[in-house]
């Protein structure tokens, strides 16, 4: 299937504390669309996936002030990496 569907997103690292085992650092960016991208930690991707899916298909989150953005943390509580998902409109 070569046809694109859904919005494209950018996942940008906005905060990183401790030592990220994948080496992610503030400013790193990953494109997310209907295909996966190399370079993003799988654990972070799995945490982001439900939120990314909602944004890709028009969803929004009531706790976010911008309907095209969402902030999500990776699941490592000792070394949290926080991503901002940004819907490209």
N, C-alpha and C. Protein backbone atom coordinates (compact mmCIF):
# COMPACT_ATOMS: atom_id res chain seq x y z
N UNK A 1 0.85 -1.17 0.00
CA UNK A 1 0.00 0.00 0.00
C UNK A 1 0.90 1.23 0.00
N UNK A 2 0.81 2.06 -1.01
CA UNK A 2 1.65 3.24 -1.09
C UNK A 2 0.89 4.52 -0.74
N UNK A 3 -0.41 4.44 -0.63
CA UNK A 3 -1.21 5.62 -0.34
C UNK A 3 -1.06 6.04 1.11
N UNK A 4 -0.78 7.33 1.33
CA UNK A 4 -0.68 7.87 2.68
C UNK A 4 -2.07 8.08 3.26
N UNK A 5 -2.21 7.90 4.55
CA UNK A 5 -3.47 8.20 5.23
C UNK A 5 -3.16 8.73 6.60
N UNK A 6 -4.04 9.57 7.11
CA UNK A 6 -3.80 10.17 8.42
C UNK A 6 -2.79 11.30 8.33
N UNK A 7 -2.73 12.10 9.39
CA UNK A 7 -1.78 13.21 9.46
C UNK A 7 -0.40 12.68 9.81
N UNK A 8 0.62 13.43 9.41
CA UNK A 8 1.98 13.11 9.84
C UNK A 8 2.24 13.85 11.13
N UNK A 9 3.08 13.26 11.98
CA UNK A 9 3.42 13.83 13.27
C UNK A 9 4.92 13.96 13.42
N UNK A 10 5.34 14.88 14.25
CA UNK A 10 6.71 14.96 14.70
C UNK A 10 6.70 14.63 16.19
N UNK A 11 7.58 13.73 16.61
CA UNK A 11 7.79 13.45 18.03
C UNK A 11 9.11 14.10 18.40
N UNK A 12 9.06 15.16 19.22
CA UNK A 12 10.25 15.92 19.59
C UNK A 12 10.53 15.71 21.07
N UNK A 13 11.79 15.40 21.40
CA UNK A 13 12.19 15.25 22.80
C UNK A 13 12.28 16.65 23.42
N UNK A 14 11.48 16.89 24.46
CA UNK A 14 11.46 18.20 25.11
C UNK A 14 12.09 18.18 26.51
N UNK A 15 12.32 16.98 27.04
CA UNK A 15 12.93 16.85 28.36
C UNK A 15 13.55 15.47 28.47
N UNK A 16 14.73 15.38 29.11
CA UNK A 16 15.37 14.09 29.32
C UNK A 16 16.16 14.18 30.61
N UNK A 17 15.87 13.30 31.56
CA UNK A 17 16.56 13.29 32.85
C UNK A 17 17.21 11.94 33.04
N UNK A 18 18.31 11.91 33.74
CA UNK A 18 19.01 10.65 33.96
C UNK A 18 19.75 10.25 32.70
N UNK A 19 19.83 8.93 32.48
CA UNK A 19 20.55 8.40 31.32
C UNK A 19 19.59 7.58 30.48
N UNK A 20 19.26 8.06 29.31
CA UNK A 20 18.38 7.34 28.39
C UNK A 20 19.18 6.20 27.75
N UNK A 21 18.72 4.97 27.89
CA UNK A 21 19.46 3.83 27.33
C UNK A 21 19.49 3.85 25.81
N UNK A 22 18.56 4.58 25.18
CA UNK A 22 18.55 4.69 23.71
C UNK A 22 19.34 5.91 23.24
N UNK A 23 19.80 6.73 24.18
CA UNK A 23 20.60 7.90 23.82
C UNK A 23 19.80 9.10 23.35
N UNK A 24 18.49 9.10 23.60
CA UNK A 24 17.68 10.25 23.19
C UNK A 24 18.06 11.47 24.03
N UNK A 25 18.04 12.63 23.37
CA UNK A 25 18.36 13.88 24.06
C UNK A 25 17.43 14.98 23.59
N UNK A 26 17.33 16.05 24.37
CA UNK A 26 16.45 17.18 24.04
C UNK A 26 16.79 17.68 22.63
N UNK A 27 15.75 17.86 21.85
CA UNK A 27 15.91 18.34 20.48
C UNK A 27 15.81 17.25 19.43
N UNK A 28 15.98 15.98 19.82
CA UNK A 28 15.83 14.89 18.86
C UNK A 28 14.41 14.91 18.30
N UNK A 29 14.28 14.62 17.00
CA UNK A 29 12.97 14.58 16.37
C UNK A 29 12.82 13.31 15.55
N UNK A 30 11.60 12.78 15.55
CA UNK A 30 11.26 11.58 14.80
C UNK A 30 9.95 11.83 14.07
N UNK A 31 9.91 11.50 12.79
CA UNK A 31 8.67 11.60 12.03
C UNK A 31 7.85 10.34 12.28
N UNK A 32 6.56 10.51 12.48
CA UNK A 32 5.65 9.39 12.67
C UNK A 32 4.51 9.55 11.67
N UNK A 33 4.26 8.50 10.91
CA UNK A 33 3.11 8.49 9.99
C UNK A 33 2.55 7.08 10.01
N UNK A 34 2.04 6.61 8.88
CA UNK A 34 1.46 5.27 8.87
C UNK A 34 2.52 4.18 8.78
N UNK A 35 3.79 4.56 8.80
CA UNK A 35 4.89 3.59 8.85
C UNK A 35 5.80 3.97 10.01
N UNK A 36 6.52 3.00 10.55
CA UNK A 36 7.41 3.28 11.67
C UNK A 36 8.73 3.84 11.16
N UNK A 37 9.47 4.47 12.03
CA UNK A 37 10.75 5.07 11.69
C UNK A 37 11.86 4.45 12.54
N UNK A 38 13.03 4.33 11.95
CA UNK A 38 14.18 3.81 12.70
C UNK A 38 14.71 4.88 13.65
N UNK A 39 15.32 4.44 14.72
CA UNK A 39 16.00 5.35 15.62
C UNK A 39 15.28 5.67 16.91
N UNK A 40 13.97 5.47 16.96
CA UNK A 40 13.24 5.76 18.20
C UNK A 40 13.20 4.49 19.04
N UNK A 41 13.46 4.66 20.32
CA UNK A 41 13.38 3.56 21.27
C UNK A 41 12.00 2.89 21.16
N UNK A 42 11.98 1.58 21.09
CA UNK A 42 10.72 0.86 20.95
C UNK A 42 9.81 1.09 22.16
N UNK A 43 10.39 1.16 23.36
CA UNK A 43 9.57 1.39 24.56
C UNK A 43 8.89 2.75 24.49
N UNK A 44 9.63 3.77 24.05
CA UNK A 44 9.04 5.10 23.90
C UNK A 44 7.96 5.08 22.83
N UNK A 45 8.25 4.42 21.70
CA UNK A 45 7.27 4.36 20.61
C UNK A 45 5.97 3.71 21.09
N UNK A 46 6.09 2.62 21.83
CA UNK A 46 4.88 1.94 22.32
C UNK A 46 4.08 2.84 23.27
N UNK A 47 4.78 3.66 24.07
CA UNK A 47 4.09 4.60 24.97
C UNK A 47 3.40 5.71 24.18
N UNK A 48 4.05 6.17 23.10
CA UNK A 48 3.50 7.26 22.28
C UNK A 48 2.39 6.80 21.35
N UNK A 49 2.41 5.53 20.96
CA UNK A 49 1.53 5.05 19.90
C UNK A 49 0.05 5.37 20.07
N UNK A 50 -0.56 5.14 21.24
CA UNK A 50 -2.00 5.46 21.36
C UNK A 50 -2.30 6.94 21.15
N UNK A 51 -1.43 7.80 21.65
CA UNK A 51 -1.61 9.24 21.49
C UNK A 51 -1.35 9.67 20.05
N UNK A 52 -0.31 9.09 19.45
CA UNK A 52 0.01 9.40 18.05
C UNK A 52 -1.14 8.97 17.14
N UNK A 53 -1.69 7.80 17.38
CA UNK A 53 -2.80 7.31 16.56
C UNK A 53 -3.99 8.26 16.63
N UNK A 54 -4.31 8.72 17.84
CA UNK A 54 -5.43 9.65 17.99
C UNK A 54 -5.17 10.93 17.22
N UNK A 55 -3.98 11.51 17.37
CA UNK A 55 -3.66 12.75 16.67
C UNK A 55 -3.65 12.56 15.16
N UNK A 56 -3.13 11.43 14.69
CA UNK A 56 -3.06 11.18 13.25
C UNK A 56 -4.43 11.18 12.61
N UNK A 57 -5.45 10.79 13.34
CA UNK A 57 -6.79 10.66 12.76
C UNK A 57 -7.78 11.68 13.32
N UNK A 58 -7.27 12.86 13.70
CA UNK A 58 -8.15 13.97 14.04
C UNK A 58 -8.50 14.12 15.50
N UNK A 59 -8.01 13.24 16.36
CA UNK A 59 -8.33 13.34 17.78
C UNK A 59 -7.62 14.48 18.46
N UNK A 60 -8.09 14.81 19.65
CA UNK A 60 -7.46 15.82 20.48
C UNK A 60 -7.65 15.41 21.94
N UNK A 61 -6.90 16.05 22.82
CA UNK A 61 -6.92 15.69 24.22
C UNK A 61 -7.38 16.89 25.04
N UNK A 62 -8.38 16.70 25.92
CA UNK A 62 -8.97 17.83 26.65
C UNK A 62 -7.99 18.53 27.59
N UNK A 63 -6.93 17.88 28.02
CA UNK A 63 -5.97 18.50 28.94
C UNK A 63 -4.90 19.30 28.22
N UNK A 64 -4.86 19.25 26.88
CA UNK A 64 -3.87 20.00 26.12
C UNK A 64 -4.50 21.30 25.61
N UNK A 65 -3.78 22.42 25.69
CA UNK A 65 -4.32 23.70 25.23
C UNK A 65 -4.30 23.83 23.71
N UNK A 66 -3.41 23.09 23.04
CA UNK A 66 -3.31 23.11 21.58
C UNK A 66 -3.82 21.76 21.06
N UNK A 67 -4.88 21.75 20.24
CA UNK A 67 -5.43 20.47 19.77
C UNK A 67 -4.50 19.70 18.83
N UNK A 68 -3.41 20.32 18.39
CA UNK A 68 -2.46 19.66 17.48
C UNK A 68 -1.21 19.18 18.19
N UNK A 69 -1.23 19.19 19.53
CA UNK A 69 -0.05 18.77 20.31
C UNK A 69 -0.46 17.91 21.50
N UNK A 70 0.48 17.08 21.91
CA UNK A 70 0.27 16.24 23.10
C UNK A 70 1.64 15.91 23.68
N UNK A 71 1.76 15.93 24.99
CA UNK A 71 3.01 15.61 25.67
C UNK A 71 2.88 14.24 26.32
N UNK A 72 3.89 13.37 26.05
CA UNK A 72 3.86 11.99 26.54
C UNK A 72 5.26 11.60 27.00
N UNK A 73 5.36 10.89 28.12
CA UNK A 73 6.66 10.44 28.65
C UNK A 73 6.88 8.97 28.35
N UNK A 74 8.15 8.61 28.19
CA UNK A 74 8.49 7.20 28.05
C UNK A 74 8.22 6.51 29.39
N UNK A 75 8.19 5.18 29.42
CA UNK A 75 7.81 4.48 30.64
C UNK A 75 8.92 4.27 31.67
N UNK A 76 10.13 4.80 31.45
CA UNK A 76 11.23 4.60 32.39
C UNK A 76 11.17 5.69 33.47
N UNK A 77 10.65 5.40 34.67
CA UNK A 77 10.48 6.44 35.68
C UNK A 77 11.80 6.96 36.25
N UNK A 78 12.87 6.19 36.17
CA UNK A 78 14.15 6.63 36.70
C UNK A 78 14.91 7.52 35.72
N UNK A 79 14.59 7.41 34.44
CA UNK A 79 15.28 8.16 33.39
C UNK A 79 14.27 8.67 32.36
N UNK A 80 13.32 9.48 32.79
CA UNK A 80 12.23 9.85 31.88
C UNK A 80 12.67 10.72 30.69
N UNK A 81 12.15 10.35 29.54
CA UNK A 81 12.28 11.16 28.32
C UNK A 81 10.86 11.60 27.98
N UNK A 82 10.67 12.90 27.83
CA UNK A 82 9.36 13.46 27.54
C UNK A 82 9.34 13.92 26.08
N UNK A 83 8.33 13.46 25.36
CA UNK A 83 8.16 13.80 23.95
C UNK A 83 6.95 14.71 23.78
N UNK A 84 7.04 15.62 22.84
CA UNK A 84 5.89 16.39 22.43
C UNK A 84 5.52 15.90 21.04
N UNK A 85 4.29 15.44 20.88
CA UNK A 85 3.78 15.03 19.58
C UNK A 85 3.14 16.24 18.93
N UNK A 86 3.50 16.50 17.69
CA UNK A 86 3.01 17.68 16.98
C UNK A 86 2.38 17.23 15.67
N UNK A 87 1.09 17.48 15.52
CA UNK A 87 0.39 17.14 14.28
C UNK A 87 0.73 18.18 13.24
N UNK A 88 1.18 17.73 12.07
CA UNK A 88 1.47 18.62 10.95
C UNK A 88 0.18 18.89 10.21
N UNK A 89 -0.27 20.13 10.24
CA UNK A 89 -1.54 20.48 9.57
C UNK A 89 -1.29 21.26 8.30
